């Protein structure tokens, strides 16, 4: 009897180990789409050290003061919309929505929000209009740094670096870059 349980257990373990990353499963459309979403979430630098570009200046009179809380009203990532943000930094700059192809390969990223003036190569004080070609120096997502991008839109605004707990659960996101003033609302 013990031998039968042992063999049954062994068969189950072998069967379950085959459900992982086999080549047949990688070609499944349902798993492929789910895997893409998970890969994108893993590739995003949800939390970072909070380093900011050298020439980025703090906002003198931001709507949301450092240390205050606000409600996030955007969905750059799953679990953002409706989460409570703690303001870590507030900076006056130009924010850009961009479209680019990752330097690591993969699908083109369209209308990514946001990179800021100080994260574009040789930007200085020149504001780029929609359609302009730029090189990204930010590394918010794997494959972003060094990529050529096209500006979709720009917005002169205060951008915020924030900490928040995703509404979907999981770990707190620290020093997320960037949300604009219009993407936050008073708590």
Protein backbone atom coordinates (compact mmCIF):
# COMPACT_ATOMS: atom_id res chain seq x y z
CA UNK A 1 0.00 0.00 0.00
CA UNK A 2 2.83 2.42 0.87
CA UNK A 3 4.46 1.59 -2.45
CA UNK A 4 1.24 2.54 -4.32
CA UNK A 5 1.04 5.93 -2.51
CA UNK A 6 4.70 6.53 -3.23
CA UNK A 7 4.26 5.76 -6.96
CA UNK A 8 1.09 7.87 -7.13
CA UNK A 9 2.88 10.79 -5.45
CA UNK A 10 5.85 10.44 -7.76
CA UNK A 11 3.57 10.41 -10.83
CA UNK A 12 1.78 13.55 -9.64
CA UNK A 13 5.08 15.36 -9.04
CA UNK A 14 6.40 14.40 -12.47
CA UNK A 15 3.14 15.49 -14.08
CA UNK A 16 3.16 18.84 -12.29
CA UNK A 17 6.78 19.54 -13.15
CA UNK A 18 5.84 19.21 -16.82
CA UNK A 19 3.34 22.08 -16.55
CA UNK A 20 6.03 24.73 -16.21
CA UNK A 21 7.90 26.32 -19.04
CA UNK A 22 7.74 23.66 -21.68
CA UNK A 23 8.04 24.82 -25.29
CA UNK A 24 4.47 23.67 -25.98
CA UNK A 25 3.10 25.95 -23.26
CA UNK A 26 5.10 28.94 -24.48
CA UNK A 27 3.21 28.85 -27.78
CA UNK A 28 -0.21 28.89 -26.16
CA UNK A 29 -1.91 32.27 -26.88
CA UNK A 30 -3.55 32.50 -23.43
CA UNK A 31 -0.31 31.80 -21.61
CA UNK A 32 1.64 33.98 -24.03
CA UNK A 33 -0.54 37.04 -23.35
CA UNK A 34 -0.46 36.43 -19.61
CA UNK A 35 3.30 35.95 -19.73
CA UNK A 36 3.73 39.21 -21.67
CA UNK A 37 1.80 41.09 -19.00
CA UNK A 38 3.83 39.50 -16.20
CA UNK A 39 7.09 40.18 -18.07
CA UNK A 40 6.16 43.86 -18.49
CA UNK A 41 5.35 44.16 -14.78
CA UNK A 42 8.64 42.47 -13.85
CA UNK A 43 10.63 44.61 -16.28
CA UNK A 44 9.28 47.88 -14.90
CA UNK A 45 11.41 49.38 -12.19
CA UNK A 46 8.51 49.67 -9.76
CA UNK A 47 10.76 50.81 -6.96
CA UNK A 48 14.14 52.42 -7.24
CA UNK A 49 16.71 54.31 -5.21
CA UNK A 50 14.96 57.61 -5.83
CA UNK A 51 17.81 59.05 -7.85
CA UNK A 52 16.81 62.00 -9.96
CA UNK A 53 18.59 63.68 -12.89
CA UNK A 54 21.26 66.14 -11.71
CA UNK A 55 19.71 69.18 -13.35
CA UNK A 56 16.12 68.53 -12.19
CA UNK A 57 14.91 71.26 -9.85
CA UNK A 58 12.41 70.84 -7.03
CA UNK A 59 9.09 72.64 -7.45
CA UNK A 60 8.91 75.80 -5.35
CA UNK A 61 5.19 75.65 -4.63
CA UNK A 62 3.74 72.24 -5.62
CA UNK A 63 0.06 71.45 -5.14
CA UNK A 64 1.08 68.30 -3.26
CA UNK A 65 3.86 68.88 -0.73
CA UNK A 66 6.56 66.30 -0.02
CA UNK A 67 5.23 63.99 2.71
CA UNK A 68 1.56 64.66 1.91
CA UNK A 69 -0.85 62.08 0.52
CA UNK A 70 -2.97 62.10 -2.64
CA UNK A 71 -5.11 59.66 -4.60
CA UNK A 72 -3.66 58.34 -7.86
CA UNK A 73 -6.01 58.77 -10.83
CA UNK A 74 -4.06 57.00 -13.55
CA UNK A 75 -3.23 53.43 -14.51
CA UNK A 76 0.35 53.45 -15.80
CA UNK A 77 0.64 50.08 -14.04
CA UNK A 78 -1.87 47.62 -12.65
CA UNK A 79 -2.87 48.58 -9.11
CA UNK A 80 -2.12 52.29 -9.42
CA UNK A 81 -5.57 53.76 -10.07
CA UNK A 82 -7.20 54.61 -6.75
CA UNK A 83 -4.11 53.90 -4.65
CA UNK A 84 -3.00 56.36 -1.98
CA UNK A 85 0.29 58.03 -2.89
CA UNK A 86 2.79 59.52 -0.51
CA UNK A 87 4.62 62.36 -2.23
CA UNK A 88 8.39 61.77 -2.18
CA UNK A 89 9.42 64.56 -4.57
CA UNK A 90 7.87 67.33 -6.65
CA UNK A 91 9.64 68.84 -9.66
CA UNK A 92 8.73 71.42 -12.30
CA UNK A 93 9.61 70.22 -15.80
CA UNK A 94 8.21 69.12 -19.15
CA UNK A 95 6.74 65.62 -19.15
CA UNK A 96 6.57 63.63 -22.38
CA UNK A 97 4.44 60.75 -23.58
CA UNK A 98 6.62 58.74 -25.98
CA UNK A 99 6.55 55.82 -28.37
CA UNK A 100 9.69 53.71 -28.72
CA UNK A 101 11.07 50.27 -29.54
CA UNK A 102 13.03 48.74 -26.65
CA UNK A 103 16.75 48.32 -27.28
CA UNK A 104 16.37 44.78 -25.91
CA UNK A 105 13.90 43.88 -28.66
CA UNK A 106 10.25 43.07 -28.28
CA UNK A 107 7.09 44.95 -29.06
CA UNK A 108 6.98 48.68 -29.66
CA UNK A 109 5.81 50.64 -26.58
CA UNK A 110 3.21 53.24 -27.49
CA UNK A 111 2.27 56.38 -25.59
CA UNK A 112 4.43 55.57 -22.54
CA UNK A 113 3.85 58.09 -19.76
CA UNK A 114 6.14 59.69 -18.60
CA UNK A 115 9.72 60.62 -19.28
CA UNK A 116 10.81 64.11 -18.42
CA UNK A 117 12.94 66.77 -20.11
CA UNK A 118 15.96 65.88 -18.00
CA UNK A 119 15.76 62.21 -19.08
CA UNK A 120 16.22 62.97 -22.78
CA UNK A 121 19.68 63.06 -24.34
CA UNK A 122 20.95 66.56 -25.15
CA UNK A 123 17.58 68.11 -24.31
CA UNK A 124 18.90 71.11 -22.36
CA UNK A 125 16.08 73.69 -22.32
CA UNK A 126 14.70 72.74 -25.74
CA UNK A 127 11.06 71.56 -25.49
CA UNK A 128 10.26 68.87 -28.04
CA UNK A 129 7.02 68.97 -30.03
CA UNK A 130 4.91 65.98 -31.03
CA UNK A 131 6.70 64.01 -33.74
CA UNK A 132 10.22 64.97 -32.65
CA UNK A 133 12.80 62.16 -32.47
CA UNK A 134 14.76 61.86 -29.20
CA UNK A 135 17.03 59.42 -27.35
CA UNK A 136 15.90 58.25 -23.91
CA UNK A 137 18.32 58.30 -20.99
CA UNK A 138 15.77 57.05 -18.41
CA UNK A 139 15.60 53.38 -17.48
CA UNK A 140 12.08 53.10 -16.05
CA UNK A 141 11.56 49.90 -18.06
CA UNK A 142 14.10 47.37 -19.26
CA UNK A 143 15.14 48.30 -22.80
CA UNK A 144 14.21 51.96 -22.47
CA UNK A 145 17.64 53.51 -21.84
CA UNK A 146 19.33 54.36 -25.14
CA UNK A 147 16.20 53.78 -27.23
CA UNK A 148 15.17 56.17 -29.97
CA UNK A 149 11.70 57.57 -29.33
CA UNK A 150 9.10 59.75 -30.92
CA UNK A 151 7.37 62.39 -28.84
CA UNK A 152 3.60 61.81 -28.74
CA UNK A 153 2.80 64.84 -26.56
CA UNK A 154 4.34 67.14 -23.99
CA UNK A 155 3.03 68.84 -20.90
CA UNK A 156 4.67 71.59 -18.84
CA UNK A 157 3.77 70.48 -15.31
CA UNK A 158 4.86 69.45 -11.87
CA UNK A 159 5.84 65.79 -11.83
CA UNK A 160 5.82 63.74 -8.66
CA UNK A 161 7.87 60.83 -7.45
CA UNK A 162 5.62 58.73 -5.21
CA UNK A 163 5.39 55.74 -2.90
CA UNK A 164 2.17 53.71 -2.92
CA UNK A 165 0.61 50.37 -2.06
CA UNK A 166 -0.96 48.80 -5.18
CA UNK A 167 -4.72 48.31 -4.94
CA UNK A 168 -4.12 44.79 -6.26
CA UNK A 169 -1.95 43.89 -3.26
CA UNK A 170 1.71 43.06 -3.15
CA UNK A 171 4.68 45.08 -2.02
CA UNK A 172 4.77 48.85 -1.61
CA UNK A 173 6.14 50.65 -4.66
CA UNK A 174 8.85 53.11 -3.67
CA UNK A 175 10.04 56.18 -5.59
CA UNK A 176 7.85 55.58 -8.65
CA UNK A 177 8.65 58.00 -11.46
CA UNK A 178 6.53 59.87 -12.65
CA UNK A 179 2.95 60.99 -12.19
CA UNK A 180 1.82 64.44 -13.26
CA UNK A 181 -0.20 66.85 -11.20
CA UNK A 182 -3.34 66.10 -13.25
CA UNK A 183 -2.98 62.38 -12.37
CA UNK A 184 -3.38 63.06 -8.64
CA UNK A 185 -6.32 64.31 -6.64
CA UNK A 186 -6.65 65.51 -3.07
CA UNK A 187 -7.33 62.84 -0.50
